[in-house]
Each structure stands twice: as C-alpha cells, then as structure tokens.
C-alpha cells in the first residue's frame, strides 16, 4: 500500500500536504517547496511513504541516536480517513525502520 517517493510523486505529496488540514497555507507551500531539494539530495536518510493513489503520506527522518527514526509527518486526506490509511502508513514506516536495523519513535 505504500511506496518510497520519487521526484515524479511530488504532486501527489503536495496534494496531501495541502489537503490534510495540518498546515496553514503558507506552511504547506514552504513544506512543498522543500520537496525538490529533498529528492535531489536523495533524502539523506529521510523517507516519504505514499498510501494508495495519494490518500495519505508519512515522512520519517533519522534521529541523533543510531538506529532511531522519528515519524515527523502523517497526513490523510479528509475523504480518505477512517479507512486504515494512517495505520497502514505507520506500519510501513515501522517495517522500513526495522529492515534498516532500527526503530521508529
């Protein structure tokens, strides 16, 4: 249900960032504006996960301690809520962290 994001998925990520209701419009635009740099740098350990056809996104980033990742962002479009999207994204983030020899906090 989830896939690591590539540059071509920026539009799907942007739609969830703008539509999930977690950010003021200016904050959303700043977040979206940082996506090209994120992909150009290959994420530097940060991972974006996209659910389905853009129903929701999760973003995790490494912490200072070894093997620990922090789930920084979890957003689901209002019309996709209460369908298990967030639960699937959290589970995928935890699986990816374990596969990398770590854990999510």
PDB file of N, CA and C in Angstrom:
ATOM      1  N   UNK A   1       0.805  -1.199   0.000  1.00  0.00           N
ATOM      2  CA  UNK A   1       0.000   0.000   0.000  1.00  0.00           C
ATOM      3  C   UNK A   1       0.846   1.261   0.000  1.00  0.00           C
ATOM      4  N   UNK A   2       2.112   1.168   0.334  1.00  0.00           N
ATOM      5  CA  UNK A   2       2.955   2.362   0.386  1.00  0.00           C
ATOM      6  C   UNK A   2       4.191   2.162  -0.464  1.00  0.00           C
ATOM      7  N   UNK A   3       4.743   3.261  -0.944  1.00  0.00           N
ATOM      8  CA  UNK A   3       5.948   3.225  -1.763  1.00  0.00           C
ATOM      9  C   UNK A   3       6.832   4.399  -1.400  1.00  0.00           C
ATOM     10  N   UNK A   4       8.154   4.179  -1.412  1.00  0.00           N
ATOM     11  CA  UNK A   4       9.078   5.296  -1.257  1.00  0.00           C
ATOM     12  C   UNK A   4       8.832   6.257  -2.412  1.00  0.00           C
ATOM     13  N   UNK A   5       8.938   7.535  -2.103  1.00  0.00           N
ATOM     14  CA  UNK A   5       8.611   8.537  -3.118  1.00  0.00           C
ATOM     15  C   UNK A   5       9.775   8.863  -4.018  1.00  0.00           C
ATOM     16  N   UNK A   6       9.485   9.162  -5.250  1.00  0.00           N
ATOM     17  CA  UNK A   6      10.440   9.625  -6.238  1.00  0.00           C
ATOM     18  C   UNK A   6      10.037  11.043  -6.621  1.00  0.00           C
ATOM     19  N   UNK A   7      10.904  11.719  -7.312  1.00  0.00           N
ATOM     20  CA  UNK A   7      10.646  13.102  -7.711  1.00  0.00           C
ATOM     21  C   UNK A   7       9.319  13.250  -8.430  1.00  0.00           C
ATOM     22  N   UNK A   8       8.953  12.296  -9.241  1.00  0.00           N
ATOM     23  CA  UNK A   8       7.719  12.383 -10.008  1.00  0.00           C
ATOM     24  C   UNK A   8       6.465  12.352  -9.142  1.00  0.00           C
ATOM     25  N   UNK A   9       6.586  11.982  -7.888  1.00  0.00           N
ATOM     26  CA  UNK A   9       5.437  11.909  -6.993  1.00  0.00           C
ATOM     27  C   UNK A   9       5.226  13.189  -6.188  1.00  0.00           C
ATOM     28  N   UNK A  10       5.971  14.227  -6.494  1.00  0.00           N
ATOM     29  CA  UNK A  10       5.847  15.482  -5.753  1.00  0.00           C
ATOM     30  C   UNK A  10       4.424  16.018  -5.782  1.00  0.00           C
ATOM     31  N   UNK A  11       3.745  15.909  -6.889  1.00  0.00           N
ATOM     32  CA  UNK A  11       2.372  16.425  -6.985  1.00  0.00           C
ATOM     33  C   UNK A  11       1.425  15.687  -6.041  1.00  0.00           C
ATOM     34  N   UNK A  12       1.574  14.370  -5.941  1.00  0.00           N
ATOM     35  CA  UNK A  12       0.724  13.600  -5.024  1.00  0.00           C
ATOM     36  C   UNK A  12       1.015  13.976  -3.581  1.00  0.00           C
ATOM     37  N   UNK A  13       2.291  14.134  -3.251  1.00  0.00           N
ATOM     38  CA  UNK A  13       2.655  14.561  -1.899  1.00  0.00           C
ATOM     39  C   UNK A  13       2.086  15.945  -1.607  1.00  0.00           C
ATOM     40  N   UNK A  14       2.227  16.856  -2.567  1.00  0.00           N
ATOM     41  CA  UNK A  14       1.750  18.220  -2.389  1.00  0.00           C
ATOM     42  C   UNK A  14       0.239  18.244  -2.158  1.00  0.00           C
ATOM     43  N   UNK A  15      -0.499  17.416  -2.871  1.00  0.00           N
ATOM     44  CA  UNK A  15      -1.955  17.388  -2.713  1.00  0.00           C
ATOM     45  C   UNK A  15      -2.351  16.985  -1.295  1.00  0.00           C
ATOM     46  N   UNK A  16      -1.651  16.016  -0.727  1.00  0.00           N
ATOM     47  CA  UNK A  16      -1.966  15.590   0.646  1.00  0.00           C
ATOM     48  C   UNK A  16      -1.517  16.653   1.644  1.00  0.00           C
ATOM     49  N   UNK A  17      -0.328  17.214   1.443  1.00  0.00           N
ATOM     50  CA  UNK A  17       0.163  18.253   2.351  1.00  0.00           C
ATOM     51  C   UNK A  17      -0.816  19.428   2.392  1.00  0.00           C
ATOM     52  N   UNK A  18      -1.319  19.822   1.222  1.00  0.00           N
ATOM     53  CA  UNK A  18      -2.266  20.939   1.162  1.00  0.00           C
ATOM     54  C   UNK A  18      -3.648  20.549   1.668  1.00  0.00           C
ATOM     55  N   UNK A  19      -4.059  19.317   1.439  1.00  0.00           N
ATOM     56  CA  UNK A  19      -5.431  18.932   1.726  1.00  0.00           C
ATOM     57  C   UNK A  19      -5.695  18.265   3.051  1.00  0.00           C
ATOM     58  N   UNK A  20      -4.646  17.894   3.802  1.00  0.00           N
ATOM     59  CA  UNK A  20      -4.873  17.127   5.030  1.00  0.00           C
ATOM     60  C   UNK A  20      -5.300  17.990   6.215  1.00  0.00           C
ATOM     61  N   UNK A  21      -5.109  19.295   6.114  1.00  0.00           N
ATOM     62  CA  UNK A  21      -5.565  20.180   7.178  1.00  0.00           C
ATOM     63  C   UNK A  21      -4.597  20.380   8.326  1.00  0.00           C
ATOM     64  N   UNK A  22      -3.379  19.894   8.218  1.00  0.00           N
ATOM     65  CA  UNK A  22      -2.412  20.039   9.301  1.00  0.00           C
ATOM     66  C   UNK A  22      -1.622  21.341   9.237  1.00  0.00           C
ATOM     67  N   UNK A  23      -1.604  21.973   8.075  1.00  0.00           N
ATOM     68  CA  UNK A  23      -0.753  23.142   7.882  1.00  0.00           C
ATOM     69  C   UNK A  23      -1.559  24.349   7.420  1.00  0.00           C
ATOM     70  N   UNK A  24      -1.112  25.518   7.853  1.00  0.00           N
ATOM     71  CA  UNK A  24      -1.631  26.759   7.288  1.00  0.00           C
ATOM     72  C   UNK A  24      -1.134  26.816   5.843  1.00  0.00           C
ATOM     73  N   UNK A  25      -1.828  27.557   4.957  1.00  0.00           N
ATOM     74  CA  UNK A  25      -1.406  27.586   3.546  1.00  0.00           C
ATOM     75  C   UNK A  25       0.064  27.947   3.335  1.00  0.00           C
ATOM     76  N   UNK A  26       0.572  28.924   4.064  1.00  0.00           N
ATOM     77  CA  UNK A  26       1.973  29.316   3.893  1.00  0.00           C
ATOM     78  C   UNK A  26       2.917  28.203   4.335  1.00  0.00           C
ATOM     79  N   UNK A  27       2.576  27.528   5.435  1.00  0.00           N
ATOM     80  CA  UNK A  27       3.398  26.406   5.904  1.00  0.00           C
ATOM     81  C   UNK A  27       3.413  25.277   4.869  1.00  0.00           C
ATOM     82  N   UNK A  28       2.248  24.992   4.313  1.00  0.00           N
ATOM     83  CA  UNK A  28       2.160  23.933   3.305  1.00  0.00           C
ATOM     84  C   UNK A  28       3.027  24.273   2.099  1.00  0.00           C
ATOM     85  N   UNK A  29       2.965  25.510   1.659  1.00  0.00           N
ATOM     86  CA  UNK A  29       3.769  25.921   0.496  1.00  0.00           C
ATOM     87  C   UNK A  29       5.263  25.799   0.784  1.00  0.00           C
ATOM     88  N   UNK A  30       5.678  26.169   1.996  1.00  0.00           N
ATOM     89  CA  UNK A  30       7.093  26.028   2.370  1.00  0.00           C
ATOM     90  C   UNK A  30       7.517  24.564   2.385  1.00  0.00           C
ATOM     91  N   UNK A  31       6.659  23.715   2.939  1.00  0.00           N
ATOM     92  CA  UNK A  31       6.946  22.287   3.002  1.00  0.00           C
ATOM     93  C   UNK A  31       7.058  21.729   1.580  1.00  0.00           C
ATOM     94  N   UNK A  32       6.089  22.069   0.739  1.00  0.00           N
ATOM     95  CA  UNK A  32       6.096  21.594  -0.649  1.00  0.00           C
ATOM     96  C   UNK A  32       7.324  22.120  -1.383  1.00  0.00           C
ATOM     97  N   UNK A  33       7.681  23.365  -1.110  1.00  0.00           N
ATOM     98  CA  UNK A  33       8.857  23.947  -1.748  1.00  0.00           C
ATOM     99  C   UNK A  33      10.151  23.240  -1.401  1.00  0.00           C
ATOM    100  N   UNK A  34      10.180  22.533  -0.270  1.00  0.00           N
ATOM    101  CA  UNK A  34      11.390  21.808   0.133  1.00  0.00           C
ATOM    102  C   UNK A  34      11.507  20.437  -0.527  1.00  0.00           C
ATOM    103  N   UNK A  35      10.456  19.965  -1.168  1.00  0.00           N
ATOM    104  CA  UNK A  35      10.483  18.622  -1.748  1.00  0.00           C
ATOM    105  C   UNK A  35      11.536  18.445  -2.841  1.00  0.00           C
ATOM    106  N   UNK A  36      11.672  19.384  -3.802  1.00  0.00           N
ATOM    107  CA  UNK A  36      12.702  19.162  -4.833  1.00  0.00           C
ATOM    108  C   UNK A  36      14.107  18.998  -4.253  1.00  0.00           C
ATOM    109  N   UNK A  37      14.446  19.788  -3.250  1.00  0.00           N
ATOM    110  CA  UNK A  37      15.762  19.656  -2.609  1.00  0.00           C
ATOM    111  C   UNK A  37      15.895  18.306  -1.923  1.00  0.00           C
ATOM    112  N   UNK A  38      14.821  17.864  -1.273  1.00  0.00           N
ATOM    113  CA  UNK A  38      14.821  16.561  -0.604  1.00  0.00           C
ATOM    114  C   UNK A  38      15.158  15.454  -1.602  1.00  0.00           C
ATOM    115  N   UNK A  39      14.467  15.455  -2.746  1.00  0.00           N
ATOM    116  CA  UNK A  39      14.702  14.411  -3.737  1.00  0.00           C
ATOM    117  C   UNK A  39      16.073  14.545  -4.388  1.00  0.00           C
ATOM    118  N   UNK A  40      16.522  15.773  -4.612  1.00  0.00           N
ATOM    119  CA  UNK A  40      17.841  15.986  -5.217  1.00  0.00           C
ATOM    120  C   UNK A  40      18.957  15.465  -4.322  1.00  0.00           C
ATOM    121  N   UNK A  41      18.765  15.556  -2.994  1.00  0.00           N
ATOM    122  CA  UNK A  41      19.785  15.095  -2.047  1.00  0.00           C
ATOM    123  C   UNK A  41      19.623  13.621  -1.713  1.00  0.00           C
ATOM    124  N   UNK A  42      18.691  12.955  -2.375  1.00  0.00           N
ATOM    125  CA  UNK A  42      18.390  11.537  -2.116  1.00  0.00           C
ATOM    126  C   UNK A  42      17.879  11.320  -0.703  1.00  0.00           C
ATOM    127  N   UNK A  43      17.335  12.370  -0.085  1.00  0.00           N
ATOM    128  CA  UNK A  43      16.668  12.240   1.193  1.00  0.00           C
ATOM    129  C   UNK A  43      17.540  12.228   2.422  1.00  0.00           C
ATOM    130  N   UNK A  44      18.828  11.967   2.289  1.00  0.00           N
ATOM    131  CA  UNK A  44      19.745  11.922   3.434  1.00  0.00           C
ATOM    132  C   UNK A  44      19.167  11.125   4.602  1.00  0.00           C
ATOM    133  N   UNK A  45      18.621   9.957   4.324  1.00  0.00           N
ATOM    134  CA  UNK A  45      18.070   9.093   5.360  1.00  0.00           C
ATOM    135  C   UNK A  45      16.604   9.326   5.637  1.00  0.00           C
ATOM    136  N   UNK A  46      16.047  10.390   5.095  1.00  0.00           N
ATOM    137  CA  UNK A  46      14.625  10.669   5.280  1.00  0.00           C
ATOM    138  C   UNK A  46      13.821   9.882   4.249  1.00  0.00           C
ATOM    139  N   UNK A  47      12.652   9.416   4.637  1.00  0.00           N
ATOM    140  CA  UNK A  47      11.828   8.591   3.763  1.00  0.00           C
ATOM    141  C   UNK A  47      10.408   9.140   3.734  1.00  0.00           C
ATOM    142  N   UNK A  48       9.858   9.274   2.524  1.00  0.00           N
ATOM    143  CA  UNK A  48       8.451   9.597   2.318  1.00  0.00           C
ATOM    144  C   UNK A  48       7.731   8.315   1.924  1.00  0.00           C
ATOM    145  N   UNK A  49       6.566   8.079   2.485  1.00  0.00           N
ATOM    146  CA  UNK A  49       5.723   6.953   2.103  1.00  0.00           C
ATOM    147  C   UNK A  49       4.389   7.521   1.633  1.00  0.00           C
ATOM    148  N   UNK A  50       3.879   7.009   0.536  1.00  0.00           N
ATOM    149  CA  UNK A  50       2.609   7.463  -0.027  1.00  0.00           C
ATOM    150  C   UNK A  50       1.636   6.301  -0.021  1.00  0.00           C
ATOM    151  N   UNK A  51       0.433   6.545   0.495  1.00  0.00           N
ATOM    152  CA  UNK A  51      -0.588   5.496   0.545  1.00  0.00           C
ATOM    153  C   UNK A  51      -1.442   5.553  -0.702  1.00  0.00           C
ATOM    154  N   UNK A  52      -1.640   4.397  -1.301  1.00  0.00           N
ATOM    155  CA  UNK A  52      -2.537   4.276  -2.440  1.00  0.00           C
ATOM    156  C   UNK A  52      -2.265   5.295  -3.528  1.00  0.00           C
ATOM    157  N   UNK A  53      -3.306   5.906  -4.006  1.00  0.00           N
ATOM    158  CA  UNK A  53      -3.219   6.912  -5.059  1.00  0.00           C
ATOM    159  C   UNK A  53      -3.137   8.314  -4.457  1.00  0.00           C
ATOM    160  N   UNK A  54      -2.469   8.451  -3.339  1.00  0.00           N
ATOM    161  CA  UNK A  54      -2.328   9.754  -2.714  1.00  0.00           C
ATOM    162  C   UNK A  54      -3.344  10.017  -1.627  1.00  0.00           C
ATOM    163  N   UNK A  55      -3.809   8.977  -0.952  1.00  0.00           N
ATOM    164  CA  UNK A  55      -4.769   9.140   0.134  1.00  0.00           C
ATOM    165  C   UNK A  55      -4.114   9.740   1.368  1.00  0.00           C
ATOM    166  N   UNK A  56      -2.825   9.454   1.558  1.00  0.00           N
ATOM    167  CA  UNK A  56      -2.111   9.946   2.725  1.00  0.00           C
ATOM    168  C   UNK A  56      -0.619   9.787   2.552  1.00  0.00           C
ATOM    169  N   UNK A  57       0.125  10.478   3.407  1.00  0.00           N
ATOM    170  CA  UNK A  57       1.583  10.392   3.379  1.00  0.00           C
ATOM    171  C   UNK A  57       2.134  10.310   4.792  1.00  0.00           C
ATOM    172  N   UNK A  58       3.317   9.722   4.894  1.00  0.00           N
ATOM    173  CA  UNK A  58       4.084   9.706   6.135  1.00  0.00           C
ATOM    174  C   UNK A  58       5.515  10.079   5.775  1.00  0.00           C
ATOM    175  N   UNK A  59       6.185  10.718   6.712  1.00  0.00           N
ATOM    176  CA  UNK A  59       7.564  11.140   6.498  1.00  0.00           C
ATOM    177  C   UNK A  59       8.346  10.804   7.759  1.00  0.00           C
ATOM    178  N   UNK A  60       9.448  10.082   7.588  1.00  0.00           N
ATOM    179  CA  UNK A  60      10.293   9.764   8.748  1.00  0.00           C
ATOM    180  C   UNK A  60      11.703  10.247   8.487  1.00  0.00           C
ATOM    181  N   UNK A  61      12.386  10.580   9.564  1.00  0.00           N
ATOM    182  CA  UNK A  61      13.723  11.145   9.482  1.00  0.00           C
ATOM    183  C   UNK A  61      14.578  10.538  10.585  1.00  0.00           C
ATOM    184  N   UNK A  62      15.885  10.367  10.333  1.00  0.00           N
ATOM    185  CA  UNK A  62      16.744   9.798  11.366  1.00  0.00           C
ATOM    186  C   UNK A  62      16.909  10.745  12.559  1.00  0.00           C
ATOM    187  N   UNK A  63      16.986  10.159  13.729  1.00  0.00           N
ATOM    188  CA  UNK A  63      17.257  10.905  14.963  1.00  0.00           C
ATOM    189  C   UNK A  63      18.759  10.918  15.198  1.00  0.00           C
ATOM    190  N   UNK A  64      19.171  11.621  16.229  1.00  0.00           N
ATOM    191  CA  UNK A  64      20.594  11.691  16.557  1.00  0.00           C
ATOM    192  C   UNK A  64      21.137  10.327  16.968  1.00  0.00           C
ATOM    193  N   UNK A  65      20.353   9.581  17.735  1.00  0.00           N
ATOM    194  CA  UNK A  65      20.793   8.265  18.177  1.00  0.00           C
ATOM    195  C   UNK A  65      20.811   7.271  17.036  1.00  0.00           C
ATOM    196  N   UNK A  66      21.730   6.322  17.061  1.00  0.00           N
ATOM    197  CA  UNK A  66      21.832   5.342  15.976  1.00  0.00           C
ATOM    198  C   UNK A  66      20.595   4.434  15.921  1.00  0.00           C
ATOM    199  N   UNK A  67      20.128   4.190  14.716  1.00  0.00           N
ATOM    200  CA  UNK A  67      19.034   3.245  14.522  1.00  0.00           C
ATOM    201  C   UNK A  67      17.670   3.732  14.947  1.00  0.00           C
ATOM    202  N   UNK A  68      17.502   5.031  15.138  1.00  0.00           N
ATOM    203  CA  UNK A  68      16.214   5.564  15.569  1.00  0.00           C
ATOM    204  C   UNK A  68      15.721   6.558  14.532  1.00  0.00           C
ATOM    205  N   UNK A  69      14.476   6.384  14.105  1.00  0.00           N
ATOM    206  CA  UNK A  69      13.839   7.309  13.182  1.00  0.00           C
ATOM    207  C   UNK A  69      12.607   7.906  13.845  1.00  0.00           C
ATOM    208  N   UNK A  70      12.342   9.142  13.525  1.00  0.00           N
ATOM    209  CA  UNK A  70      11.196   9.850  14.068  1.00  0.00           C
ATOM    210  C   UNK A  70      10.155  10.005  12.967  1.00  0.00           C
ATOM    211  N   UNK A  71       8.922   9.624  13.240  1.00  0.00           N
ATOM    212  CA  UNK A  71       7.828   9.832  12.302  1.00  0.00           C
ATOM    213  C   UNK A  71       7.390  11.284  12.461  1.00  0.00           C
ATOM    214  N   UNK A  72       7.788  12.129  11.502  1.00  0.00           N
ATOM    215  CA  UNK A  72       7.596  13.574  11.619  1.00  0.00           C
ATOM    216  C   UNK A  72       6.259  14.051  11.094  1.00  0.00           C
ATOM    217  N   UNK A  73       5.703  13.344  10.148  1.00  0.00           N
ATOM    218  CA  UNK A  73       4.521  13.830   9.467  1.00  0.00           C
ATOM    219  C   UNK A  73       3.654  12.661   9.061  1.00  0.00           C
ATOM    220  N   UNK A  74       2.386  12.731   9.386  1.00  0.00           N
ATOM    221  CA  UNK A  74       1.414  11.722   8.995  1.00  0.00           C
ATOM    222  C   UNK A  74       0.138  12.458   8.644  1.00  0.00           C
ATOM    223  N   UNK A  75      -0.203  12.476   7.389  1.00  0.00           N
ATOM    224  CA  UNK A  75      -1.391  13.196   6.951  1.00  0.00           C
ATOM    225  C   UNK A  75      -2.236  12.349   6.022  1.00  0.00           C
ATOM    226  N   UNK A  76      -3.560  12.428   6.206  1.00  0.00           N
ATOM    227  CA  UNK A  76      -4.514  11.693   5.377  1.00  0.00           C
ATOM    228  C   UNK A  76      -5.573  12.683   4.916  1.00  0.00           C
ATOM    229  N   UNK A  77      -5.915  12.611   3.642  1.00  0.00           N
ATOM    230  CA  UNK A  77      -6.961  13.489   3.122  1.00  0.00           C
ATOM    231  C   UNK A  77      -8.281  13.203   3.840  1.00  0.00           C
ATOM    232  N   UNK A  78      -9.060  14.238   4.129  1.00  0.00           N
ATOM    233  CA  UNK A  78     -10.306  14.040   4.885  1.00  0.00           C
ATOM    234  C   UNK A  78     -11.227  12.966   4.309  1.00  0.00           C
ATOM    235  N   UNK A  79     -11.357  12.926   3.005  1.00  0.00           N
ATOM    236  CA  UNK A  79     -12.265  11.949   2.391  1.00  0.00           C
ATOM    237  C   UNK A  79     -11.732  10.517   2.452  1.00  0.00           C
ATOM    238  N   UNK A  80     -10.463  10.347   2.860  1.00  0.00           N
ATOM    239  CA  UNK A  80      -9.860   9.026   2.956  1.00  0.00           C
ATOM    240  C   UNK A  80      -9.713   8.546   4.403  1.00  0.00           C
ATOM    241  N   UNK A  81     -10.143   9.352   5.344  1.00  0.00           N
ATOM    242  CA  UNK A  81      -9.990   8.998   6.763  1.00  0.00           C
ATOM    243  C   UNK A  81     -10.953   7.885   7.166  1.00  0.00           C
ATOM    244  N   UNK A  82     -10.580   7.207   8.253  1.00  0.00           N
ATOM    245  CA  UNK A  82     -11.369   6.123   8.837  1.00  0.00           C
ATOM    246  C   UNK A  82     -11.406   4.893   7.918  1.00  0.00           C
ATOM    247  N   UNK A  83     -10.341   4.746   7.124  1.00  0.00           N
ATOM    248  CA  UNK A  83     -10.222   3.596   6.222  1.00  0.00           C
ATOM    249  C   UNK A  83      -8.938   2.821   6.467  1.00  0.00           C
ATOM    250  N   UNK A  84      -8.221   3.150   7.529  1.00  0.00           N
ATOM    251  CA  UNK A  84      -6.990   2.442   7.858  1.00  0.00           C
ATOM    252  C   UNK A  84      -5.748   2.963   7.154  1.00  0.00           C
ATOM    253  N   UNK A  85      -5.855   4.112   6.477  1.00  0.00           N
ATOM    254  CA  UNK A  85      -4.713   4.655   5.739  1.00  0.00           C
ATOM    255  C   UNK A  85      -3.573   5.022   6.685  1.00  0.00           C
ATOM    256  N   UNK A  86      -3.867   5.774   7.743  1.00  0.00           N
ATOM    257  CA  UNK A  86      -2.821   6.182   8.688  1.00  0.00           C
ATOM    258  C   UNK A  86      -2.191   4.968   9.358  1.00  0.00           C
ATOM    259  N   UNK A  87      -3.012   4.010   9.738  1.00  0.00           N
ATOM    260  CA  UNK A  87      -2.492   2.793  10.374  1.00  0.00           C
ATOM    261  C   UNK A  87      -1.530   2.065   9.434  1.00  0.00           C
ATOM    262  N   UNK A  88      -1.885   1.971   8.152  1.00  0.00           N
ATOM    263  CA  UNK A  88      -1.013   1.307   7.173  1.00  0.00           C
ATOM    264  C   UNK A  88       0.290   2.074   6.984  1.00  0.00           C
ATOM    265  N   UNK A  89       0.221   3.409   6.983  1.00  0.00           N
ATOM    266  CA  UNK A  89       1.435   4.210   6.837  1.00  0.00           C
ATOM    267  C   UNK A  89       2.365   4.046   8.035  1.00  0.00           C
ATOM    268  N   UNK A  90       1.811   4.045   9.240  1.00  0.00           N
ATOM    269  CA  UNK A  90       2.634   3.853  10.439  1.00  0.00           C
ATOM    270  C   UNK A  90       3.270   2.466  10.412  1.00  0.00           C
ATOM    271  N   UNK A  91       2.490   1.462  10.058  1.00  0.00           N
ATOM    272  CA  UNK A  91       3.029   0.099   9.983  1.00  0.00           C
ATOM    273  C   UNK A  91       4.154   0.017   8.963  1.00  0.00           C
ATOM    274  N   UNK A  92       3.975   0.653   7.811  1.00  0.00           N
ATOM    275  CA  UNK A  92       5.020   0.631   6.773  1.00  0.00           C
ATOM    276  C   UNK A  92       6.280   1.346   7.246  1.00  0.00           C
ATOM    277  N   UNK A  93       6.116   2.465   7.941  1.00  0.00           N
ATOM    278  CA  UNK A  93       7.277   3.188   8.463  1.00  0.00           C
ATOM    279  C   UNK A  93       8.033   2.329   9.477  1.00  0.00           C
ATOM    280  N   UNK A  94       7.290   1.609  10.323  1.00  0.00           N
ATOM    281  CA  UNK A  94       7.936   0.743  11.306  1.00  0.00           C
ATOM    282  C   UNK A  94       8.663  -0.415  10.645  1.00  0.00           C
ATOM    283  N   UNK A  95       8.047  -1.000   9.617  1.00  0.00           N
ATOM    284  CA  UNK A  95       8.689  -2.103   8.898  1.00  0.00           C
ATOM    285  C   UNK A  95       9.978  -1.623   8.238  1.00  0.00           C
ATOM    286  N   UNK A  96       9.916  -0.479   7.567  1.00  0.00           N
ATOM    287  CA  UNK A  96      11.107   0.054   6.893  1.00  0.00           C
ATOM    288  C   UNK A  96      12.215   0.340   7.904  1.00  0.00           C
ATOM    289  N   UNK A  97      11.859   0.849   9.074  1.00  0.00           N
ATOM    290  CA  UNK A  97      12.863   1.126  10.102  1.00  0.00           C
ATOM    291  C   UNK A  97      13.500  -0.178  10.580  1.00  0.00           C
ATOM    292  N   UNK A  98      12.680  -1.200  10.843  1.00  0.00           N
ATOM    293  CA  UNK A  98      13.224  -2.499  11.269  1.00  0.00           C
ATOM    294  C   UNK A  98      14.122  -3.100  10.199  1.00  0.00           C
ATOM    295  N   UNK A  99      13.718  -2.986   8.929  1.00  0.00           N
ATOM    296  CA  UNK A  99      14.541  -3.518   7.833  1.00  0.00           C
ATOM    297  C   UNK A  99      15.897  -2.828   7.768  1.00  0.00           C
ATOM    298  N   UNK A 100      15.943  -1.583   8.226  1.00  0.00           N
ATOM    299  CA  UNK A 100      17.202  -0.828   8.237  1.00  0.00           C
ATOM    300  C   UNK A 100      17.957  -1.026   9.556  1.00  0.00           C
ATOM    301  N   UNK A 101      17.447  -1.915  10.407  1.00  0.00           N
ATOM    302  CA  UNK A 101      18.123  -2.210  11.666  1.00  0.00           C
ATOM    303  C   UNK A 101      17.804  -1.238  12.774  1.00  0.00           C
ATOM    304  N   UNK A 102      16.679  -0.563  12.679  1.00  0.00           N
ATOM    305  CA  UNK A 102      16.334   0.423  13.697  1.00  0.00           C
ATOM    306  C   UNK A 102      14.891   0.334  14.128  1.00  0.00           C
ATOM    307  N   UNK A 103      14.402   1.462  14.631  1.00  0.00           N
ATOM    308  CA  UNK A 103      13.015   1.555  15.092  1.00  0.00           C
ATOM    309  C   UNK A 103      12.525   2.983  14.906  1.00  0.00           C
ATOM    310  N   UNK A 104      11.212   3.128  14.878  1.00  0.00           N
ATOM    311  CA  UNK A 104      10.597   4.465  14.816  1.00  0.00           C
ATOM    312  C   UNK A 104      10.246   4.903  16.226  1.00  0.00           C
ATOM    313  N   UNK A 105      10.380   6.193  16.479  1.00  0.00           N
ATOM    314  CA  UNK A 105       9.980   6.721  17.792  1.00  0.00           C
ATOM    315  C   UNK A 105       8.855   7.698  17.612  1.00  0.00           C
TER     316      UNK A 105
END
